[in-house]
Amino acid sequence: MLLQEFFEASYASDNHRDRESAENIEATLLHFLQDVKPNYQITFLDFWAENKERYPELYKLANVVSSVPATQVSVERLFSLLRYVLVPVRNRLKKKTIRNIMNVKCNLQVVREFTP
């Protein structure tokens, strides 16, 4: 339902760029949904490793979605980790750097699997 509302709002927009972007997103999603068959034998990460070249925009979205904590406990754990990242000697880190550090720390097991 949210996607439908997004597309309707974008199509109704006076901004040509919004409409064009919405059309591209919708076309990509429709192509993906028609092309990809569910395979429950591979993991989420393996699927996107195989399909990142084929669906680069959706791959980026999948990375964002997979880094969002699903539970409150995860959020508390992130704040605990952040305490070790944001120490006084690291007071000039940029948001992007902090986000990257936290992403690696939270997904350390996955990083170790892909690191030679």
PDB file of N, CA and C in Angstrom:
ATOM      1  N   MET A   1       0.819  -1.187   0.000  1.00  0.00           N
ATOM      2  CA  MET A   1       0.000   0.000   0.000  1.00  0.00           C
ATOM      3  C   MET A   1       0.872   1.265   0.000  1.00  0.00           C
ATOM      4  N   LEU A   2       1.946   1.254   0.738  1.00  0.00           N
ATOM      5  CA  LEU A   2       2.808   2.432   0.784  1.00  0.00           C
ATOM      6  C   LEU A   2       3.436   2.728  -0.574  1.00  0.00           C
ATOM      7  N   LEU A   3       3.839   1.683  -1.291  1.00  0.00           N
ATOM      8  CA  LEU A   3       4.417   1.904  -2.612  1.00  0.00           C
ATOM      9  C   LEU A   3       3.395   2.527  -3.549  1.00  0.00           C
ATOM     10  N   GLN A   4       2.167   2.039  -3.498  1.00  0.00           N
ATOM     11  CA  GLN A   4       1.122   2.583  -4.354  1.00  0.00           C
ATOM     12  C   GLN A   4       0.907   4.061  -4.047  1.00  0.00           C
ATOM     13  N   GLU A   5       0.889   4.415  -2.761  1.00  0.00           N
ATOM     14  CA  GLU A   5       0.728   5.819  -2.366  1.00  0.00           C
ATOM     15  C   GLU A   5       1.911   6.653  -2.856  1.00  0.00           C
ATOM     16  N   PHE A   6       3.105   6.088  -2.770  1.00  0.00           N
ATOM     17  CA  PHE A   6       4.294   6.783  -3.246  1.00  0.00           C
ATOM     18  C   PHE A   6       4.183   7.079  -4.742  1.00  0.00           C
ATOM     19  N   PHE A   7       3.814   6.048  -5.508  1.00  0.00           N
ATOM     20  CA  PHE A   7       3.706   6.234  -6.949  1.00  0.00           C
ATOM     21  C   PHE A   7       2.612   7.238  -7.303  1.00  0.00           C
ATOM     22  N   GLU A   8       1.469   7.154  -6.638  1.00  0.00           N
ATOM     23  CA  GLU A   8       0.377   8.095  -6.917  1.00  0.00           C
ATOM     24  C   GLU A   8       0.801   9.528  -6.627  1.00  0.00           C
ATOM     25  N   ALA A   9       1.486   9.728  -5.501  1.00  0.00           N
ATOM     26  CA  ALA A   9       1.947  11.074  -5.143  1.00  0.00           C
ATOM     27  C   ALA A   9       2.988  11.576  -6.137  1.00  0.00           C
ATOM     28  N   SER A  10       3.863  10.691  -6.571  1.00  0.00           N
ATOM     29  CA  SER A  10       4.903  11.090  -7.516  1.00  0.00           C
ATOM     30  C   SER A  10       4.328  11.417  -8.879  1.00  0.00           C
ATOM     31  N   TYR A  11       3.357  10.626  -9.313  1.00  0.00           N
ATOM     32  CA  TYR A  11       2.743  10.876 -10.612  1.00  0.00           C
ATOM     33  C   TYR A  11       1.936  12.173 -10.592  1.00  0.00           C
ATOM     34  N   ALA A  12       1.365  12.498  -9.444  1.00  0.00           N
ATOM     35  CA  ALA A  12       0.565  13.718  -9.326  1.00  0.00           C
ATOM     36  C   ALA A  12       1.448  14.954  -9.174  1.00  0.00           C
ATOM     37  N   SER A  13       2.714  14.765  -8.906  1.00  0.00           N
ATOM     38  CA  SER A  13       3.636  15.867  -8.671  1.00  0.00           C
ATOM     39  C   SER A  13       3.813  16.714  -9.924  1.00  0.00           C
ATOM     40  N   ASP A  14       4.042  17.995  -9.705  1.00  0.00           N
ATOM     41  CA  ASP A  14       4.331  18.896 -10.813  1.00  0.00           C
ATOM     42  C   ASP A  14       5.784  18.763 -11.269  1.00  0.00           C
ATOM     43  N   ASN A  15       6.588  18.158 -10.436  1.00  0.00           N
ATOM     44  CA  ASN A  15       8.011  18.019 -10.723  1.00  0.00           C
ATOM     45  C   ASN A  15       8.235  16.849 -11.688  1.00  0.00           C
ATOM     46  N   HIS A  16       8.734  17.149 -12.876  1.00  0.00           N
ATOM     47  CA  HIS A  16       8.980  16.134 -13.908  1.00  0.00           C
ATOM     48  C   HIS A  16       9.964  15.077 -13.405  1.00  0.00           C
ATOM     49  N   ARG A  17      10.945  15.496 -12.640  1.00  0.00           N
ATOM     50  CA  ARG A  17      11.969  14.581 -12.123  1.00  0.00           C
ATOM     51  C   ARG A  17      11.363  13.546 -11.174  1.00  0.00           C
ATOM     52  N   ASP A  18      10.424  13.977 -10.311  1.00  0.00           N
ATOM     53  CA  ASP A  18       9.745  13.049  -9.403  1.00  0.00           C
ATOM     54  C   ASP A  18       8.963  12.002 -10.178  1.00  0.00           C
ATOM     55  N   ARG A  19       8.234  12.446 -11.195  1.00  0.00           N
ATOM     56  CA  ARG A  19       7.441  11.516 -12.008  1.00  0.00           C
ATOM     57  C   ARG A  19       8.337  10.519 -12.723  1.00  0.00           C
ATOM     58  N   GLU A  20       9.418  11.020 -13.295  1.00  0.00           N
ATOM     59  CA  GLU A  20      10.348  10.149 -14.019  1.00  0.00           C
ATOM     60  C   GLU A  20      10.998   9.137 -13.083  1.00  0.00           C
ATOM     61  N   SER A  21      11.383   9.592 -11.897  1.00  0.00           N
ATOM     62  CA  SER A  21      11.984   8.713 -10.907  1.00  0.00           C
ATOM     63  C   SER A  21      11.000   7.628 -10.474  1.00  0.00           C
ATOM     64  N   ALA A  22       9.770   8.013 -10.221  1.00  0.00           N
ATOM     65  CA  ALA A  22       8.741   7.056  -9.819  1.00  0.00           C
ATOM     66  C   ALA A  22       8.500   6.031 -10.922  1.00  0.00           C
ATOM     67  N   GLU A  23       8.487   6.476 -12.177  1.00  0.00           N
ATOM     68  CA  GLU A  23       8.285   5.557 -13.296  1.00  0.00           C
ATOM     69  C   GLU A  23       9.438   4.560 -13.399  1.00  0.00           C
ATOM     70  N   ASN A  24      10.666   5.044 -13.189  1.00  0.00           N
ATOM     71  CA  ASN A  24      11.832   4.154 -13.236  1.00  0.00           C
ATOM     72  C   ASN A  24      11.795   3.137 -12.102  1.00  0.00           C
ATOM     73  N   ILE A  25      11.451   3.589 -10.907  1.00  0.00           N
ATOM     74  CA  ILE A  25      11.373   2.684  -9.756  1.00  0.00           C
ATOM     75  C   ILE A  25      10.292   1.636  -9.994  1.00  0.00           C
ATOM     76  N   GLU A  26       9.136   2.092 -10.447  1.00  0.00           N
ATOM     77  CA  GLU A  26       8.038   1.158 -10.682  1.00  0.00           C
ATOM     78  C   GLU A  26       8.406   0.139 -11.762  1.00  0.00           C
ATOM     79  N   ALA A  27       9.029   0.583 -12.834  1.00  0.00           N
ATOM     80  CA  ALA A  27       9.432  -0.329 -13.912  1.00  0.00           C
ATOM     81  C   ALA A  27      10.451  -1.346 -13.409  1.00  0.00           C
ATOM     82  N   THR A  28      11.407  -0.894 -12.610  1.00  0.00           N
ATOM     83  CA  THR A  28      12.416  -1.800 -12.052  1.00  0.00           C
ATOM     84  C   THR A  28      11.764  -2.837 -11.144  1.00  0.00           C
ATOM     85  N   LEU A  29      10.860  -2.391 -10.277  1.00  0.00           N
ATOM     86  CA  LEU A  29      10.178  -3.324  -9.375  1.00  0.00           C
ATOM     87  C   LEU A  29       9.334  -4.332 -10.137  1.00  0.00           C
ATOM     88  N   LEU A  30       8.599  -3.872 -11.140  1.00  0.00           N
ATOM     89  CA  LEU A  30       7.769  -4.794 -11.925  1.00  0.00           C
ATOM     90  C   LEU A  30       8.630  -5.820 -12.658  1.00  0.00           C
ATOM     91  N   HIS A  31       9.739  -5.368 -13.234  1.00  0.00           N
ATOM     92  CA  HIS A  31      10.657  -6.288 -13.914  1.00  0.00           C
ATOM     93  C   HIS A  31      11.209  -7.309 -12.928  1.00  0.00           C
ATOM     94  N   PHE A  32      11.616  -6.848 -11.770  1.00  0.00           N
ATOM     95  CA  PHE A  32      12.151  -7.725 -10.731  1.00  0.00           C
ATOM     96  C   PHE A  32      11.113  -8.770 -10.315  1.00  0.00           C
ATOM     97  N   LEU A  33       9.892  -8.323 -10.038  1.00  0.00           N
ATOM     98  CA  LEU A  33       8.844  -9.236  -9.574  1.00  0.00           C
ATOM     99  C   LEU A  33       8.456 -10.268 -10.639  1.00  0.00           C
ATOM    100  N   GLN A  34       8.530  -9.885 -11.903  1.00  0.00           N
ATOM    101  CA  GLN A  34       8.205 -10.824 -12.974  1.00  0.00           C
ATOM    102  C   GLN A  34       9.359 -11.775 -13.262  1.00  0.00           C
ATOM    103  N   ASP A  35      10.567 -11.312 -13.059  1.00  0.00           N
ATOM    104  CA  ASP A  35      11.759 -12.061 -13.451  1.00  0.00           C
ATOM    105  C   ASP A  35      12.259 -13.031 -12.380  1.00  0.00           C
ATOM    106  N   VAL A  36      12.186 -12.648 -11.125  1.00  0.00           N
ATOM    107  CA  VAL A  36      12.804 -13.419 -10.052  1.00  0.00           C
ATOM    108  C   VAL A  36      11.804 -14.394  -9.445  1.00  0.00           C
ATOM    109  N   LYS A  37      12.212 -15.648  -9.372  1.00  0.00           N
ATOM    110  CA  LYS A  37      11.408 -16.683  -8.731  1.00  0.00           C
ATOM    111  C   LYS A  37      11.975 -16.939  -7.340  1.00  0.00           C
ATOM    112  N   PRO A  38      11.109 -17.121  -6.347  1.00  0.00           N
ATOM    113  CA  PRO A  38      11.608 -17.358  -4.983  1.00  0.00           C
ATOM    114  C   PRO A  38      12.490 -18.603  -4.914  1.00  0.00           C
ATOM    115  N   ASN A  39      13.620 -18.462  -4.240  1.00  0.00           N
ATOM    116  CA  ASN A  39      14.520 -19.582  -4.014  1.00  0.00           C
ATOM    117  C   ASN A  39      14.867 -19.578  -2.532  1.00  0.00           C
ATOM    118  N   TYR A  40      14.276 -20.483  -1.803  1.00  0.00           N
ATOM    119  CA  TYR A  40      14.464 -20.508  -0.358  1.00  0.00           C
ATOM    120  C   TYR A  40      15.711 -21.280   0.049  1.00  0.00           C
ATOM    121  N   GLN A  41      16.502 -21.700  -0.936  1.00  0.00           N
ATOM    122  CA  GLN A  41      17.723 -22.445  -0.655  1.00  0.00           C
ATOM    123  C   GLN A  41      18.930 -21.532  -0.449  1.00  0.00           C
ATOM    124  N   ILE A  42      18.809 -20.245  -0.812  1.00  0.00           N
ATOM    125  CA  ILE A  42      19.928 -19.325  -0.632  1.00  0.00           C
ATOM    126  C   ILE A  42      19.525 -18.222   0.346  1.00  0.00           C
ATOM    127  N   THR A  43      20.519 -17.610   0.940  1.00  0.00           N
ATOM    128  CA  THR A  43      20.255 -16.544   1.906  1.00  0.00           C
ATOM    129  C   THR A  43      20.033 -15.215   1.195  1.00  0.00           C
ATOM    130  N   PHE A  44      19.510 -14.284   1.941  1.00  0.00           N
ATOM    131  CA  PHE A  44      19.282 -12.922   1.472  1.00  0.00           C
ATOM    132  C   PHE A  44      20.574 -12.331   0.906  1.00  0.00           C
ATOM    133  N   LEU A  45      21.662 -12.474   1.654  1.00  0.00           N
ATOM    134  CA  LEU A  45      22.950 -11.904   1.238  1.00  0.00           C
ATOM    135  C   LEU A  45      23.482 -12.585  -0.024  1.00  0.00           C
ATOM    136  N   ASP A  46      23.336 -13.899  -0.099  1.00  0.00           N
ATOM    137  CA  ASP A  46      23.783 -14.615  -1.293  1.00  0.00           C
ATOM    138  C   ASP A  46      22.979 -14.201  -2.520  1.00  0.00           C
ATOM    139  N   PHE A  47      21.675 -14.038  -2.330  1.00  0.00           N
ATOM    140  CA  PHE A  47      20.825 -13.617  -3.446  1.00  0.00           C
ATOM    141  C   PHE A  47      21.304 -12.291  -4.011  1.00  0.00           C
ATOM    142  N   TRP A  48      21.547 -11.320  -3.126  1.00  0.00           N
ATOM    143  CA  TRP A  48      21.933  -9.995  -3.614  1.00  0.00           C
ATOM    144  C   TRP A  48      23.366  -9.967  -4.120  1.00  0.00           C
ATOM    145  N   ALA A  49      24.218 -10.849  -3.613  1.00  0.00           N
ATOM    146  CA  ALA A  49      25.572 -10.951  -4.164  1.00  0.00           C
ATOM    147  C   ALA A  49      25.510 -11.425  -5.618  1.00  0.00           C
ATOM    148  N   GLU A  50      24.575 -12.331  -5.906  1.00  0.00           N
ATOM    149  CA  GLU A  50      24.420 -12.841  -7.270  1.00  0.00           C
ATOM    150  C   GLU A  50      23.713 -11.842  -8.193  1.00  0.00           C
ATOM    151  N   ASN A  51      22.855 -10.988  -7.636  1.00  0.00           N
ATOM    152  CA  ASN A  51      22.005 -10.129  -8.462  1.00  0.00           C
ATOM    153  C   ASN A  51      22.312  -8.637  -8.371  1.00  0.00           C
ATOM    154  N   LYS A  52      23.427  -8.272  -7.760  1.00  0.00           N
ATOM    155  CA  LYS A  52      23.708  -6.840  -7.580  1.00  0.00           C
ATOM    156  C   LYS A  52      23.979  -6.123  -8.902  1.00  0.00           C
ATOM    157  N   GLU A  53      24.543  -6.821  -9.876  1.00  0.00           N
ATOM    158  CA  GLU A  53      24.792  -6.196 -11.180  1.00  0.00           C
ATOM    159  C   GLU A  53      23.495  -6.079 -11.984  1.00  0.00           C
ATOM    160  N   ARG A  54      22.632  -7.030 -11.805  1.00  0.00           N
ATOM    161  CA  ARG A  54      21.381  -7.081 -12.561  1.00  0.00           C
ATOM    162  C   ARG A  54      20.372  -6.042 -12.081  1.00  0.00           C
ATOM    163  N   TYR A  55      20.331  -5.828 -10.779  1.00  0.00           N
ATOM    164  CA  TYR A  55      19.394  -4.869 -10.175  1.00  0.00           C
ATOM    165  C   TYR A  55      20.147  -3.930  -9.228  1.00  0.00           C
ATOM    166  N   PRO A  56      20.988  -3.037  -9.756  1.00  0.00           N
ATOM    167  CA  PRO A  56      21.829  -2.210  -8.884  1.00  0.00           C
ATOM    168  C   PRO A  56      21.045  -1.303  -7.930  1.00  0.00           C
ATOM    169  N   GLU A  57      19.914  -0.754  -8.386  1.00  0.00           N
ATOM    170  CA  GLU A  57      19.131   0.133  -7.514  1.00  0.00           C
ATOM    171  C   GLU A  57      18.510  -0.654  -6.365  1.00  0.00           C
ATOM    172  N   LEU A  58      17.976  -1.831  -6.691  1.00  0.00           N
ATOM    173  CA  LEU A  58      17.367  -2.664  -5.647  1.00  0.00           C
ATOM    174  C   LEU A  58      18.427  -3.227  -4.706  1.00  0.00           C
ATOM    175  N   TYR A  59      19.625  -3.465  -5.232  1.00  0.00           N
ATOM    176  CA  TYR A  59      20.729  -3.923  -4.391  1.00  0.00           C
ATOM    177  C   TYR A  59      21.059  -2.869  -3.323  1.00  0.00           C
ATOM    178  N   LYS A  60      21.100  -1.607  -3.750  1.00  0.00           N
ATOM    179  CA  LYS A  60      21.359  -0.520  -2.792  1.00  0.00           C
ATOM    180  C   LYS A  60      20.257  -0.457  -1.743  1.00  0.00           C
ATOM    181  N   LEU A  61      19.017  -0.586  -2.191  1.00  0.00           N
ATOM    182  CA  LEU A  61      17.891  -0.574  -1.265  1.00  0.00           C
ATOM    183  C   LEU A  61      17.971  -1.760  -0.300  1.00  0.00           C
ATOM    184  N   ALA A  62      18.331  -2.921  -0.803  1.00  0.00           N
ATOM    185  CA  ALA A  62      18.454  -4.111   0.046  1.00  0.00           C
ATOM    186  C   ALA A  62      19.523  -3.910   1.113  1.00  0.00           C
ATOM    187  N   ASN A  63      20.609  -3.233   0.761  1.00  0.00           N
ATOM    188  CA  ASN A  63      21.656  -2.947   1.758  1.00  0.00           C
ATOM    189  C   ASN A  63      21.137  -2.054   2.871  1.00  0.00           C
ATOM    190  N   VAL A  64      20.357  -1.068   2.499  1.00  0.00           N
ATOM    191  CA  VAL A  64      19.788  -0.167   3.504  1.00  0.00           C
ATOM    192  C   VAL A  64      18.813  -0.926   4.390  1.00  0.00           C
ATOM    193  N   VAL A  65      17.923  -1.677   3.771  1.00  0.00           N
ATOM    194  CA  VAL A  65      16.907  -2.415   4.520  1.00  0.00           C
ATOM    195  C   VAL A  65      17.553  -3.441   5.442  1.00  0.00           C
ATOM    196  N   SER A  66      18.582  -4.114   4.963  1.00  0.00           N
ATOM    197  CA  SER A  66      19.207  -5.156   5.785  1.00  0.00           C
ATOM    198  C   SER A  66      20.010  -4.586   6.951  1.00  0.00           C
ATOM    199  N   SER A  67      20.314  -3.316   6.914  1.00  0.00           N
ATOM    200  CA  SER A  67      21.072  -2.729   8.025  1.00  0.00           C
ATOM    201  C   SER A  67      20.175  -2.100   9.082  1.00  0.00           C
ATOM    202  N   VAL A  68      18.876  -2.080   8.850  1.00  0.00           N
ATOM    203  CA  VAL A  68      17.940  -1.512   9.818  1.00  0.00           C
ATOM    204  C   VAL A  68      17.667  -2.550  10.906  1.00  0.00           C
ATOM    205  N   PRO A  69      17.866  -2.192  12.171  1.00  0.00           N
ATOM    206  CA  PRO A  69      17.600  -3.137  13.250  1.00  0.00           C
ATOM    207  C   PRO A  69      16.118  -3.506  13.309  1.00  0.00           C
ATOM    208  N   ALA A  70      15.854  -4.781  13.534  1.00  0.00           N
ATOM    209  CA  ALA A  70      14.475  -5.258  13.546  1.00  0.00           C
ATOM    210  C   ALA A  70      13.832  -5.190  14.932  1.00  0.00           C
ATOM    211  N   THR A  71      14.628  -5.146  15.976  1.00  0.00           N
ATOM    212  CA  THR A  71      14.057  -5.162  17.319  1.00  0.00           C
ATOM    213  C   THR A  71      14.662  -4.071  18.181  1.00  0.00           C
ATOM    214  N   GLN A  72      14.023  -3.804  19.282  1.00  0.00           N
ATOM    215  CA  GLN A  72      14.499  -2.809  20.233  1.00  0.00           C
ATOM    216  C   GLN A  72      15.834  -3.223  20.850  1.00  0.00           C
ATOM    217  N   VAL A  73      16.022  -4.512  21.090  1.00  0.00           N
ATOM    218  CA  VAL A  73      17.273  -4.996  21.668  1.00  0.00           C
ATOM    219  C   VAL A  73      18.439  -4.647  20.745  1.00  0.00           C
ATOM    220  N   SER A  74      18.215  -4.783  19.452  1.00  0.00           N
ATOM    221  CA  SER A  74      19.269  -4.442  18.501  1.00  0.00           C
ATOM    222  C   SER A  74      19.638  -2.969  18.588  1.00  0.00           C
ATOM    223  N   VAL A  75      18.644  -2.135  18.772  1.00  0.00           N
ATOM    224  CA  VAL A  75      18.896  -0.699  18.884  1.00  0.00           C
ATOM    225  C   VAL A  75      19.742  -0.417  20.125  1.00  0.00           C
ATOM    226  N   GLU A  76      19.388  -1.046  21.234  1.00  0.00           N
ATOM    227  CA  GLU A  76      20.173  -0.859  22.461  1.00  0.00           C
ATOM    228  C   GLU A  76      21.606  -1.332  22.267  1.00  0.00           C
ATOM    229  N   ARG A  77      21.768  -2.429  21.559  1.00  0.00           N
ATOM    230  CA  ARG A  77      23.099  -2.951  21.288  1.00  0.00           C
ATOM    231  C   ARG A  77      23.894  -1.967  20.434  1.00  0.00           C
ATOM    232  N   LEU A  78      23.224  -1.338  19.480  1.00  0.00           N
ATOM    233  CA  LEU A  78      23.888  -0.343  18.638  1.00  0.00           C
ATOM    234  C   LEU A  78      24.380   0.844  19.458  1.00  0.00           C
ATOM    235  N   PHE A  79      23.544   1.303  20.373  1.00  0.00           N
ATOM    236  CA  PHE A  79      23.964   2.415  21.217  1.00  0.00           C
ATOM    237  C   PHE A  79      25.160   2.017  22.081  1.00  0.00           C
ATOM    238  N   SER A  80      25.184   0.790  22.536  1.00  0.00           N
ATOM    239  CA  SER A  80      26.338   0.329  23.310  1.00  0.00           C
ATOM    240  C   SER A  80      27.599   0.320  22.452  1.00  0.00           C
ATOM    241  N   LEU A  81      27.472  -0.159  21.216  1.00  0.00           N
ATOM    242  CA  LEU A  81      28.618  -0.158  20.302  1.00  0.00           C
ATOM    243  C   LEU A  81      29.068   1.262  19.982  1.00  0.00           C
ATOM    244  N   LEU A  82      28.108   2.142  19.821  1.00  0.00           N
ATOM    245  CA  LEU A  82      28.411   3.528  19.482  1.00  0.00           C
ATOM    246  C   LEU A  82      29.265   4.192  20.561  1.00  0.00           C
ATOM    247  N   ARG A  83      29.083   3.755  21.781  1.00  0.00           N
ATOM    248  CA  ARG A  83      29.867   4.291  22.896  1.00  0.00           C
ATOM    249  C   ARG A  83      31.367   4.056  22.672  1.00  0.00           C
ATOM    250  N   TYR A  84      31.708   2.937  22.002  1.00  0.00           N
ATOM    251  CA  TYR A  84      33.107   2.625  21.742  1.00  0.00           C
ATOM    252  C   TYR A  84      33.631   3.285  20.468  1.00  0.00           C
ATOM    253  N   VAL A  85      32.735   3.702  19.616  1.00  0.00           N
ATOM    254  CA  VAL A  85      33.129   4.367  18.368  1.00  0.00           C
ATOM    255  C   VAL A  85      33.327   5.859  18.594  1.00  0.00           C
ATOM    256  N   LEU A  86      32.399   6.474  19.301  1.00  0.00           N
ATOM    257  CA  LEU A  86      32.457   7.920  19.543  1.00  0.00           C
ATOM    258  C   LEU A  86      33.184   8.229  20.854  1.00  0.00           C
ATOM    259  N   VAL A  87      34.468   8.052  20.831  1.00  0.00           N
ATOM    260  CA  VAL A  87      35.298   8.366  21.996  1.00  0.00           C
ATOM    261  C   VAL A  87      35.891   9.759  21.788  1.00  0.00           C
ATOM    262  N   PRO A  88      36.364  10.406  22.846  1.00  0.00           N
ATOM    263  CA  PRO A  88      36.871  11.783  22.717  1.00  0.00           C
ATOM    264  C   PRO A  88      37.927  11.984  21.629  1.00  0.00           C
ATOM    265  N   VAL A  89      38.791  11.003  21.398  1.00  0.00           N
ATOM    266  CA  VAL A  89      39.814  11.173  20.362  1.00  0.00           C
ATOM    267  C   VAL A  89      39.253  11.074  18.949  1.00  0.00           C
ATOM    268  N   ARG A  90      38.024  10.619  18.830  1.00  0.00           N
ATOM    269  CA  ARG A  90      37.383  10.504  17.513  1.00  0.00           C
ATOM    270  C   ARG A  90      36.238  11.508  17.392  1.00  0.00           C
ATOM    271  N   ASN A  91      36.426  12.669  17.897  1.00  0.00           N
ATOM    272  CA  ASN A  91      35.337  13.646  17.946  1.00  0.00           C
ATOM    273  C   ASN A  91      35.065  14.356  16.620  1.00  0.00           C
ATOM    274  N   ARG A  92      35.855  14.070  15.595  1.00  0.00           N
ATOM    275  CA  ARG A  92      35.659  14.750  14.304  1.00  0.00           C
ATOM    276  C   ARG A  92      35.208  13.814  13.189  1.00  0.00           C
ATOM    277  N   LEU A  93      34.702  12.665  13.557  1.00  0.00           N
ATOM    278  CA  LEU A  93      34.226  11.731  12.532  1.00  0.00           C
ATOM    279  C   LEU A  93      32.994  12.285  11.849  1.00  0.00           C
ATOM    280  N   LYS A  94      32.924  12.085  10.542  1.00  0.00           N
ATOM    281  CA  LYS A  94      31.753  12.511   9.784  1.00  0.00           C
ATOM    282  C   LYS A  94      30.646  11.471   9.941  1.00  0.00           C
ATOM    283  N   LYS A  95      29.402  11.897   9.677  1.00  0.00           N
ATOM    284  CA  LYS A  95      28.253  10.992   9.805  1.00  0.00           C
ATOM    285  C   LYS A  95      28.446   9.733   8.971  1.00  0.00           C
ATOM    286  N   LYS A  96      28.914   9.907   7.750  1.00  0.00           N
ATOM    287  CA  LYS A  96      29.087   8.769   6.851  1.00  0.00           C
ATOM    288  C   LYS A  96      30.113   7.782   7.412  1.00  0.00           C
ATOM    289  N   THR A  97      31.181   8.292   7.980  1.00  0.00           N
ATOM    290  CA  THR A  97      32.210   7.436   8.557  1.00  0.00           C
ATOM    291  C   THR A  97      31.657   6.661   9.745  1.00  0.00           C
ATOM    292  N   ILE A  98      30.915   7.351  10.609  1.00  0.00           N
ATOM    293  CA  ILE A  98      30.302   6.685  11.765  1.00  0.00           C
ATOM    294  C   ILE A  98      29.348   5.597  11.290  1.00  0.00           C
ATOM    295  N   ARG A  99      28.524   5.924  10.292  1.00  0.00           N
ATOM    296  CA  ARG A  99      27.565   4.953   9.751  1.00  0.00           C
ATOM    297  C   ARG A  99      28.300   3.731   9.205  1.00  0.00           C
ATOM    298  N   ASN A 100      29.394   3.951   8.487  1.00  0.00           N
ATOM    299  CA  ASN A 100      30.158   2.833   7.924  1.00  0.00           C
ATOM    300  C   ASN A 100      30.796   1.975   9.012  1.00  0.00           C
ATOM    301  N   ILE A 101      31.359   2.613  10.013  1.00  0.00           N
ATOM    302  CA  ILE A 101      31.965   1.873  11.131  1.00  0.00           C
ATOM    303  C   ILE A 101      30.909   1.033  11.831  1.00  0.00           C
ATOM    304  N   MET A 102      29.761   1.630  12.112  1.00  0.00           N
ATOM    305  CA  MET A 102      28.691   0.913  12.810  1.00  0.00           C
ATOM    306  C   MET A 102      28.158  -0.234  11.953  1.00  0.00           C
ATOM    307  N   ASN A 103      28.062  -0.017  10.663  1.00  0.00           N
ATOM    308  CA  ASN A 103      27.586  -1.070   9.775  1.00  0.00           C
ATOM    309  C   ASN A 103      28.529  -2.270   9.807  1.00  0.00           C
ATOM    310  N   VAL A 104      29.825  -2.001   9.775  1.00  0.00           N
ATOM    311  CA  VAL A 104      30.809  -3.084   9.834  1.00  0.00           C
ATOM    312  C   VAL A 104      30.737  -3.782  11.191  1.00  0.00           C
ATOM    313  N   LYS A 105      30.699  -2.999  12.283  1.00  0.00           N
ATOM    314  CA  LYS A 105      30.654  -3.595  13.617  1.00  0.00           C
ATOM    315  C   LYS A 105      29.408  -4.456  13.815  1.00  0.00           C
ATOM    316  N   CYS A 106      28.278  -3.998  13.298  1.00  0.00           N
ATOM    317  CA  CYS A 106      27.024  -4.738  13.472  1.00  0.00           C
ATOM    318  C   CYS A 106      26.968  -5.979  12.598  1.00  0.00           C
ATOM    319  N   ASN A 107      27.701  -5.965  11.517  1.00  0.00           N
ATOM    320  CA  ASN A 107      27.672  -7.090  10.581  1.00  0.00           C
ATOM    321  C   ASN A 107      29.040  -7.765  10.490  1.00  0.00           C
ATOM    322  N   LEU A 108      29.749  -7.777  11.594  1.00  0.00           N
ATOM    323  CA  LEU A 108      31.110  -8.294  11.614  1.00  0.00           C
ATOM    324  C   LEU A 108      31.190  -9.745  11.152  1.00  0.00           C
ATOM    325  N   GLN A 109      30.236 -10.565  11.546  1.00  0.00           N
ATOM    326  CA  GLN A 109      30.247 -11.961  11.131  1.00  0.00           C
ATOM    327  C   GLN A 109      30.141 -12.075   9.615  1.00  0.00           C
ATOM    328  N   VAL A 110      29.275 -11.282   9.006  1.00  0.00           N
ATOM    329  CA  VAL A 110      29.112 -11.292   7.561  1.00  0.00           C
ATOM    330  C   VAL A 110      30.381 -10.789   6.881  1.00  0.00           C
ATOM    331  N   VAL A 111      30.968  -9.731   7.428  1.00  0.00           N
ATOM    332  CA  VAL A 111      32.200  -9.167   6.870  1.00  0.00           C
ATOM    333  C   VAL A 111      33.302 -10.213   6.892  1.00  0.00           C
ATOM    334  N   ARG A 112      33.412 -10.962   7.981  1.00  0.00           N
ATOM    335  CA  ARG A 112      34.455 -11.987   8.093  1.00  0.00           C
ATOM    336  C   ARG A 112      34.253 -13.089   7.058  1.00  0.00           C
ATOM    337  N   GLU A 113      33.005 -13.415   6.738  1.00  0.00           N
ATOM    338  CA  GLU A 113      32.730 -14.452   5.739  1.00  0.00           C
ATOM    339  C   GLU A 113      33.203 -14.026   4.353  1.00  0.00           C
ATOM    340  N   PHE A 114      33.123 -12.736   4.028  1.00  0.00           N
ATOM    341  CA  PHE A 114      33.473 -12.254   2.709  1.00  0.00           C
ATOM    342  C   PHE A 114      34.901 -11.743   2.611  1.00  0.00           C
ATOM    343  N   THR A 115      35.621 -11.708   3.704  1.00  0.00           N
ATOM    344  CA  THR A 115      36.995 -11.225   3.711  1.00  0.00           C
ATOM    345  C   THR A 115      37.948 -12.411   3.605  1.00  0.00           C
ATOM    346  N   PRO A 116      38.868 -12.354   2.639  1.00  0.00           N
ATOM    347  CA  PRO A 116      39.817 -13.483   2.473  1.00  0.00           C
ATOM    348  C   PRO A 116      40.771 -13.608   3.634  1.00  0.00           C
TER     349      PRO A 116
END
